[in-house]
PDB file of all heavy atoms in Angstrom:
ATOM      1  N   TYR A   1     146.126 151.086  77.015  1.00  0.00           N
ATOM      2  CA  TYR A   1     146.869 151.413  75.778  1.00  0.00           C
ATOM      3  C   TYR A   1     148.096 150.396  75.618  1.00  0.00           C
ATOM      4  O   TYR A   1     148.948 150.401  76.605  1.00  0.00           O
ATOM      5  CB  TYR A   1     147.337 152.834  75.763  1.00  0.00           C
ATOM      6  CG  TYR A   1     146.078 153.793  75.779  1.00  0.00           C
ATOM      7  CD1 TYR A   1     145.648 154.312  76.947  1.00  0.00           C
ATOM      8  CD2 TYR A   1     145.380 154.074  74.612  1.00  0.00           C
ATOM      9  CE1 TYR A   1     144.553 155.244  77.046  1.00  0.00           C
ATOM     10  CE2 TYR A   1     144.356 154.984  74.656  1.00  0.00           C
ATOM     11  CZ  TYR A   1     143.906 155.502  75.737  1.00  0.00           C
ATOM     12  OH  TYR A   1     142.781 156.425  75.780  1.00  0.00           O
ATOM     13  N   LEU A   2     148.187 149.879  74.499  1.00  0.00           N
ATOM     14  CA  LEU A   2     149.282 148.961  74.228  1.00  0.00           C
ATOM     15  C   LEU A   2     150.313 149.378  73.165  1.00  0.00           C
ATOM     16  O   LEU A   2     149.898 149.850  72.066  1.00  0.00           O
ATOM     17  CB  LEU A   2     148.863 147.653  73.722  1.00  0.00           C
ATOM     18  CG  LEU A   2     149.734 146.424  73.670  1.00  0.00           C
ATOM     19  CD1 LEU A   2     150.195 146.031  75.034  1.00  0.00           C
ATOM     20  CD2 LEU A   2     148.966 145.196  72.934  1.00  0.00           C
ATOM     21  N   ALA A   3     151.541 149.735  73.429  1.00  0.00           N
ATOM     22  CA  ALA A   3     152.567 150.208  72.616  1.00  0.00           C
ATOM     23  C   ALA A   3     153.836 149.537  72.723  1.00  0.00           C
ATOM     24  O   ALA A   3     154.385 149.446  73.711  1.00  0.00           O
ATOM     25  CB  ALA A   3     152.761 151.867  72.758  1.00  0.00           C
ATOM     26  N   GLU A   4     154.207 148.969  71.581  1.00  0.00           N
ATOM     27  CA  GLU A   4     155.411 148.003  71.582  1.00  0.00           C
ATOM     28  C   GLU A   4     155.342 146.954  72.776  1.00  0.00           C
ATOM     29  O   GLU A   4     154.336 146.253  72.764  1.00  0.00           O
ATOM     30  CB  GLU A   4     156.608 148.894  71.633  1.00  0.00           C
ATOM     31  CG  GLU A   4     156.816 149.755  70.314  1.00  0.00           C
ATOM     32  CD  GLU A   4     158.118 150.443  70.217  1.00  0.00           C
ATOM     33  OE1 GLU A   4     159.042 150.251  71.210  1.00  0.00           O
ATOM     34  OE2 GLU A   4     158.451 151.004  69.173  1.00  0.00           O
ATOM     35  N   TYR A   5     156.292 147.074  73.636  1.00  0.00           N
ATOM     36  CA  TYR A   5     156.325 146.077  74.775  1.00  0.00           C
ATOM     37  C   TYR A   5     155.808 146.677  75.971  1.00  0.00           C
ATOM     38  O   TYR A   5     156.020 146.319  77.182  1.00  0.00           O
ATOM     39  CB  TYR A   5     157.726 145.511  74.906  1.00  0.00           C
ATOM     40  CG  TYR A   5     158.207 144.752  73.630  1.00  0.00           C
ATOM     41  CD1 TYR A   5     159.170 145.461  72.853  1.00  0.00           C
ATOM     42  CD2 TYR A   5     157.678 143.545  73.354  1.00  0.00           C
ATOM     43  CE1 TYR A   5     159.512 144.764  71.691  1.00  0.00           C
ATOM     44  CE2 TYR A   5     158.091 142.850  72.182  1.00  0.00           C
ATOM     45  CZ  TYR A   5     159.155 143.541  71.417  1.00  0.00           C
ATOM     46  OH  TYR A   5     159.586 142.831  70.252  1.00  0.00           O
ATOM     47  N   SER A   6     154.936 147.759  76.016  1.00  0.00           N
ATOM     48  CA  SER A   6     154.527 148.380  77.199  1.00  0.00           C
ATOM     49  C   SER A   6     152.893 148.445  77.137  1.00  0.00           C
ATOM     50  O   SER A   6     152.201 148.634  76.132  1.00  0.00           O
ATOM     51  CB  SER A   6     154.921 149.905  77.097  1.00  0.00           C
ATOM     52  OG  SER A   6     156.385 149.934  77.124  1.00  0.00           O
ATOM     53  N   LEU A   7     152.476 148.202  78.353  1.00  0.00           N
ATOM     54  CA  LEU A   7     150.928 148.172  78.573  1.00  0.00           C
ATOM     55  C   LEU A   7     150.674 149.299  79.660  1.00  0.00           C
ATOM     56  O   LEU A   7     151.092 149.250  80.745  1.00  0.00           O
ATOM     57  CB  LEU A   7     150.462 146.771  79.055  1.00  0.00           C
ATOM     58  CG  LEU A   7     148.936 146.690  79.496  1.00  0.00           C
ATOM     59  CD1 LEU A   7     148.122 146.739  78.218  1.00  0.00           C
ATOM     60  CD2 LEU A   7     148.718 145.279  80.158  1.00  0.00           C
ATOM     61  N   PHE A   8     150.000 150.199  79.234  1.00  0.00           N
ATOM     62  CA  PHE A   8     149.469 151.248  80.103  1.00  0.00           C
ATOM     63  C   PHE A   8     148.178 150.957  80.847  1.00  0.00           C
ATOM     64  O   PHE A   8     147.061 151.106  79.910  1.00  0.00           O
ATOM     65  CB  PHE A   8     149.604 152.637  79.430  1.00  0.00           C
ATOM     66  CG  PHE A   8     150.879 153.012  78.890  1.00  0.00           C
ATOM     67  CD1 PHE A   8     151.265 152.463  77.563  1.00  0.00           C
ATOM     68  CD2 PHE A   8     151.759 153.683  79.621  1.00  0.00           C
ATOM     69  CE1 PHE A   8     152.563 152.765  77.132  1.00  0.00           C
ATOM     70  CE2 PHE A   8     153.081 153.961  79.135  1.00  0.00           C
ATOM     71  CZ  PHE A   8     153.448 153.421  77.928  1.00  0.00           C
ATOM     72  N   SER A   9     148.075 150.548  81.938  1.00  0.00           N
ATOM     73  CA  SER A   9     146.873 149.888  82.411  1.00  0.00           C
ATOM     74  C   SER A   9     145.832 150.717  83.152  1.00  0.00           C
ATOM     75  O   SER A   9     144.802 150.274  83.653  1.00  0.00           O
ATOM     76  CB  SER A   9     147.271 148.634  83.144  1.00  0.00           C
ATOM     77  OG  SER A   9     148.023 149.018  84.362  1.00  0.00           O
ATOM     78  N   GLY A  10     146.095 152.028  83.347  1.00  0.00           N
ATOM     79  CA  GLY A  10     145.224 152.828  84.153  1.00  0.00           C
ATOM     80  C   GLY A  10     144.820 152.229  85.445  1.00  0.00           C
ATOM     81  O   GLY A  10     145.777 151.758  86.194  1.00  0.00           O
ATOM     82  N   ASP A  11     143.593 152.299  85.925  1.00  0.00           N
ATOM     83  CA  ASP A  11     143.166 151.652  87.104  1.00  0.00           C
ATOM     84  C   ASP A  11     142.552 150.196  86.849  1.00  0.00           C
ATOM     85  O   ASP A  11     141.695 149.883  87.709  1.00  0.00           O
ATOM     86  CB  ASP A  11     142.261 152.604  87.770  1.00  0.00           C
ATOM     87  CG  ASP A  11     142.960 153.829  88.481  1.00  0.00           C
ATOM     88  OD1 ASP A  11     144.165 154.018  88.279  1.00  0.00           O
ATOM     89  OD2 ASP A  11     142.310 154.606  89.084  1.00  0.00           O
ATOM     90  N   THR A  12     142.834 149.611  85.814  1.00  0.00           N
ATOM     91  CA  THR A  12     142.422 148.223  85.617  1.00  0.00           C
ATOM     92  C   THR A  12     143.391 147.275  86.311  1.00  0.00           C
ATOM     93  O   THR A  12     142.855 146.472  87.224  1.00  0.00           O
ATOM     94  CB  THR A  12     142.401 147.930  84.065  1.00  0.00           C
ATOM     95  OG1 THR A  12     141.378 148.798  83.572  1.00  0.00           O
ATOM     96  CG2 THR A  12     141.892 146.410  83.874  1.00  0.00           C
ATOM     97  N   LEU A  13     144.587 147.264  85.938  1.00  0.00           N
ATOM     98  CA  LEU A  13     145.491 146.349  86.592  1.00  0.00           C
ATOM     99  C   LEU A  13     146.587 147.053  87.271  1.00  0.00           C
ATOM    100  O   LEU A  13     147.283 148.053  86.878  1.00  0.00           O
ATOM    101  CB  LEU A  13     146.193 145.435  85.382  1.00  0.00           C
ATOM    102  CG  LEU A  13     147.322 144.596  85.832  1.00  0.00           C
ATOM    103  CD1 LEU A  13     146.822 143.482  86.787  1.00  0.00           C
ATOM    104  CD2 LEU A  13     147.938 143.908  84.624  1.00  0.00           C
ATOM    105  N   PHE A  14     146.794 146.686  88.689  1.00  0.00           N
ATOM    106  CA  PHE A  14     147.814 147.087  89.472  1.00  0.00           C
ATOM    107  C   PHE A  14     148.874 145.958  89.799  1.00  0.00           C
ATOM    108  O   PHE A  14     148.518 144.919  89.586  1.00  0.00           O
ATOM    109  CB  PHE A  14     147.314 147.736  90.734  1.00  0.00           C
ATOM    110  CG  PHE A  14     146.333 148.928  90.633  1.00  0.00           C
ATOM    111  CD1 PHE A  14     145.270 148.981  91.255  1.00  0.00           C
ATOM    112  CD2 PHE A  14     146.673 149.927  89.783  1.00  0.00           C
ATOM    113  CE1 PHE A  14     144.326 150.102  91.195  1.00  0.00           C
ATOM    114  CE2 PHE A  14     145.862 151.045  89.650  1.00  0.00           C
ATOM    115  CZ  PHE A  14     144.726 151.110  90.384  1.00  0.00           C
ATOM    116  N   CYS A  15     149.965 146.288  90.410  1.00  0.00           N
ATOM    117  CA  CYS A  15     150.906 145.377  90.887  1.00  0.00           C
ATOM    118  C   CYS A  15     150.186 144.376  91.972  1.00  0.00           C
ATOM    119  O   CYS A  15     149.854 145.069  92.907  1.00  0.00           O
ATOM    120  CB  CYS A  15     152.046 145.963  91.431  1.00  0.00           C
ATOM    121  SG  CYS A  15     153.390 144.751  91.878  1.00  0.00           S
ATOM    122  N   CYS A  16     149.969 143.244  91.665  1.00  0.00           N
ATOM    123  CA  CYS A  16     149.277 142.313  92.543  1.00  0.00           C
ATOM    124  C   CYS A  16     147.866 142.732  93.001  1.00  0.00           C
ATOM    125  O   CYS A  16     147.450 142.316  94.185  1.00  0.00           O
ATOM    126  CB  CYS A  16     150.157 142.031  93.788  1.00  0.00           C
ATOM    127  SG  CYS A  16     151.630 141.030  93.313  1.00  0.00           S
ATOM    128  N   SER A  17     147.183 143.482  92.263  1.00  0.00           N
ATOM    129  CA  SER A  17     145.836 144.053  92.637  1.00  0.00           C
ATOM    130  C   SER A  17     145.116 144.419  91.291  1.00  0.00           C
ATOM    131  O   SER A  17     145.598 144.211  90.204  1.00  0.00           O
ATOM    132  CB  SER A  17     145.988 145.057  93.525  1.00  0.00           C
ATOM    133  OG  SER A  17     144.670 145.431  94.031  1.00  0.00           O
ATOM    134  N   CYS A  18     143.974 145.040  91.475  1.00  0.00           N
ATOM    135  CA  CYS A  18     143.237 145.540  90.430  1.00  0.00           C
ATOM    136  C   CYS A  18     142.462 146.788  90.915  1.00  0.00           C
ATOM    137  O   CYS A  18     142.332 147.102  91.974  1.00  0.00           O
ATOM    138  CB  CYS A  18     142.331 144.554  89.774  1.00  0.00           C
ATOM    139  SG  CYS A  18     140.891 143.936  90.686  1.00  0.00           S
ATOM    140  N   GLY A  19     141.786 147.480  89.999  1.00  0.00           N
ATOM    141  CA  GLY A  19     141.015 148.683  90.331  1.00  0.00           C
ATOM    142  C   GLY A  19     139.763 148.360  91.111  1.00  0.00           C
ATOM    143  O   GLY A  19     139.339 147.229  90.959  1.00  0.00           O
ATOM    144  N   ARG A  20     139.324 149.423  91.842  1.00  0.00           N
ATOM    145  CA  ARG A  20     138.037 149.194  92.496  1.00  0.00           C
ATOM    146  C   ARG A  20     136.892 149.061  91.517  1.00  0.00           C
ATOM    147  O   ARG A  20     136.923 149.678  90.419  1.00  0.00           O
ATOM    148  CB  ARG A  20     137.840 150.407  93.409  1.00  0.00           C
ATOM    149  CG  ARG A  20     138.697 150.481  94.617  1.00  0.00           C
ATOM    150  CD  ARG A  20     138.502 151.797  95.444  1.00  0.00           C
ATOM    151  NE  ARG A  20     137.240 151.809  95.950  1.00  0.00           N
ATOM    152  CZ  ARG A  20     136.831 152.892  96.877  1.00  0.00           C
ATOM    153  NH1 ARG A  20     137.762 153.701  97.273  1.00  0.00           N
ATOM    154  NH2 ARG A  20     135.655 152.818  97.196  1.00  0.00           N
ATOM    155  N   THR A  21     135.826 148.369  92.014  1.00  0.00           N
ATOM    156  CA  THR A  21     134.623 148.258  91.220  1.00  0.00           C
ATOM    157  C   THR A  21     133.403 148.600  91.738  1.00  0.00           C
ATOM    158  O   THR A  21     132.293 148.459  91.289  1.00  0.00           O
ATOM    159  CB  THR A  21     134.500 146.597  90.722  1.00  0.00           C
ATOM    160  OG1 THR A  21     134.436 145.932  91.990  1.00  0.00           O
ATOM    161  CG2 THR A  21     135.647 146.166  89.993  1.00  0.00           C
ATOM    162  N   ASP A  22     133.517 149.384  92.854  1.00  0.00           N
ATOM    163  CA  ASP A  22     132.332 149.843  93.567  1.00  0.00           C
ATOM    164  C   ASP A  22     131.954 151.282  93.251  1.00  0.00           C
ATOM    165  O   ASP A  22     131.100 151.825  93.951  1.00  0.00           O
ATOM    166  CB  ASP A  22     132.552 149.687  95.088  1.00  0.00           C
ATOM    167  CG  ASP A  22     133.774 150.467  95.640  1.00  0.00           C
ATOM    168  OD1 ASP A  22     134.712 150.650  94.835  1.00  0.00           O
ATOM    169  OD2 ASP A  22     133.800 150.747  96.898  1.00  0.00           O
ATOM    170  N   PHE A  23     132.579 151.879  92.311  1.00  0.00           N
ATOM    171  CA  PHE A  23     132.217 153.295  91.786  1.00  0.00           C
ATOM    172  C   PHE A  23     131.161 153.089  90.848  1.00  0.00           C
ATOM    173  O   PHE A  23     130.852 151.970  90.160  1.00  0.00           O
ATOM    174  CB  PHE A  23     133.439 153.978  91.189  1.00  0.00           C
ATOM    175  CG  PHE A  23     134.454 154.355  92.277  1.00  0.00           C
ATOM    176  CD1 PHE A  23     135.778 154.033  91.995  1.00  0.00           C
ATOM    177  CD2 PHE A  23     134.196 154.956  93.405  1.00  0.00           C
ATOM    178  CE1 PHE A  23     136.841 154.395  92.803  1.00  0.00           C
ATOM    179  CE2 PHE A  23     135.066 155.320  94.421  1.00  0.00           C
ATOM    180  CZ  PHE A  23     136.420 154.965  93.976  1.00  0.00           C
ATOM    181  N   PRO A  24     130.490 154.164  90.538  1.00  0.00           N
ATOM    182  CA  PRO A  24     129.385 154.111  89.469  1.00  0.00           C
ATOM    183  C   PRO A  24     129.871 153.646  88.185  1.00  0.00           C
ATOM    184  O   PRO A  24     131.006 153.999  87.723  1.00  0.00           O
ATOM    185  CB  PRO A  24     128.890 155.533  89.354  1.00  0.00           C
ATOM    186  CG  PRO A  24     129.051 156.134  90.779  1.00  0.00           C
ATOM    187  CD  PRO A  24     130.348 155.421  91.244  1.00  0.00           C
ATOM    188  N   SER A  25     129.184 152.730  87.505  1.00  0.00           N
ATOM    189  CA  SER A  25     129.561 151.948  86.182  1.00  0.00           C
ATOM    190  C   SER A  25     130.597 150.929  86.358  1.00  0.00           C
ATOM    191  O   SER A  25     131.012 150.368  85.489  1.00  0.00           O
ATOM    192  CB  SER A  25     129.912 153.061  85.165  1.00  0.00           C
ATOM    193  OG  SER A  25     131.233 153.437  85.071  1.00  0.00           O
ATOM    194  N   GLY A  26     131.137 150.821  87.640  1.00  0.00           N
ATOM    195  CA  GLY A  26     131.965 149.602  87.909  1.00  0.00           C
ATOM    196  C   GLY A  26     131.346 148.363  87.956  1.00  0.00           C
ATOM    197  O   GLY A  26     130.171 148.244  88.115  1.00  0.00           O
ATOM    198  N   SER A  27     132.070 147.219  87.644  1.00  0.00           N
ATOM    199  CA  SER A  27     131.529 145.943  87.604  1.00  0.00           C
ATOM    200  C   SER A  27     132.603 144.975  87.921  1.00  0.00           C
ATOM    201  O   SER A  27     133.613 144.827  87.287  1.00  0.00           O
ATOM    202  CB  SER A  27     130.885 145.644  86.190  1.00  0.00           C
ATOM    203  OG  SER A  27     130.703 144.285  86.065  1.00  0.00           O
ATOM    204  N   VAL A  28     132.269 143.973  88.992  1.00  0.00           N
ATOM    205  CA  VAL A  28     133.198 143.023  89.259  1.00  0.00           C
ATOM    206  C   VAL A  28     133.361 141.972  88.139  1.00  0.00           C
ATOM    207  O   VAL A  28     134.388 141.569  87.693  1.00  0.00           O
ATOM    208  CB  VAL A  28     132.760 142.232  90.506  1.00  0.00           C
ATOM    209  CG1 VAL A  28     133.611 140.975  90.759  1.00  0.00           C
ATOM    210  CG2 VAL A  28     132.879 143.112  91.816  1.00  0.00           C
ATOM    211  N   GLU A  29     132.280 141.700  87.432  1.00  0.00           N
ATOM    212  CA  GLU A  29     132.181 140.772  86.375  1.00  0.00           C
ATOM    213  C   GLU A  29     133.002 141.189  85.259  1.00  0.00           C
ATOM    214  O   GLU A  29     133.785 140.486  84.666  1.00  0.00           O
ATOM    215  CB  GLU A  29     130.870 140.399  85.943  1.00  0.00           C
ATOM    216  CG  GLU A  29     130.662 139.467  84.785  1.00  0.00           C
ATOM    217  CD  GLU A  29     129.273 139.147  84.370  1.00  0.00           C
ATOM    218  OE1 GLU A  29     128.405 139.693  84.970  1.00  0.00           O
ATOM    219  OE2 GLU A  29     129.038 138.244  83.405  1.00  0.00           O
TER     220      GLU A  29
END
């Protein structure tokens, strides 16, 4: 969710990392 100058990234983007892709419906690509 993008609001003004803020991005709420959930488990997509972390500080120097990203979310896991090995759960059901996850995808590295």
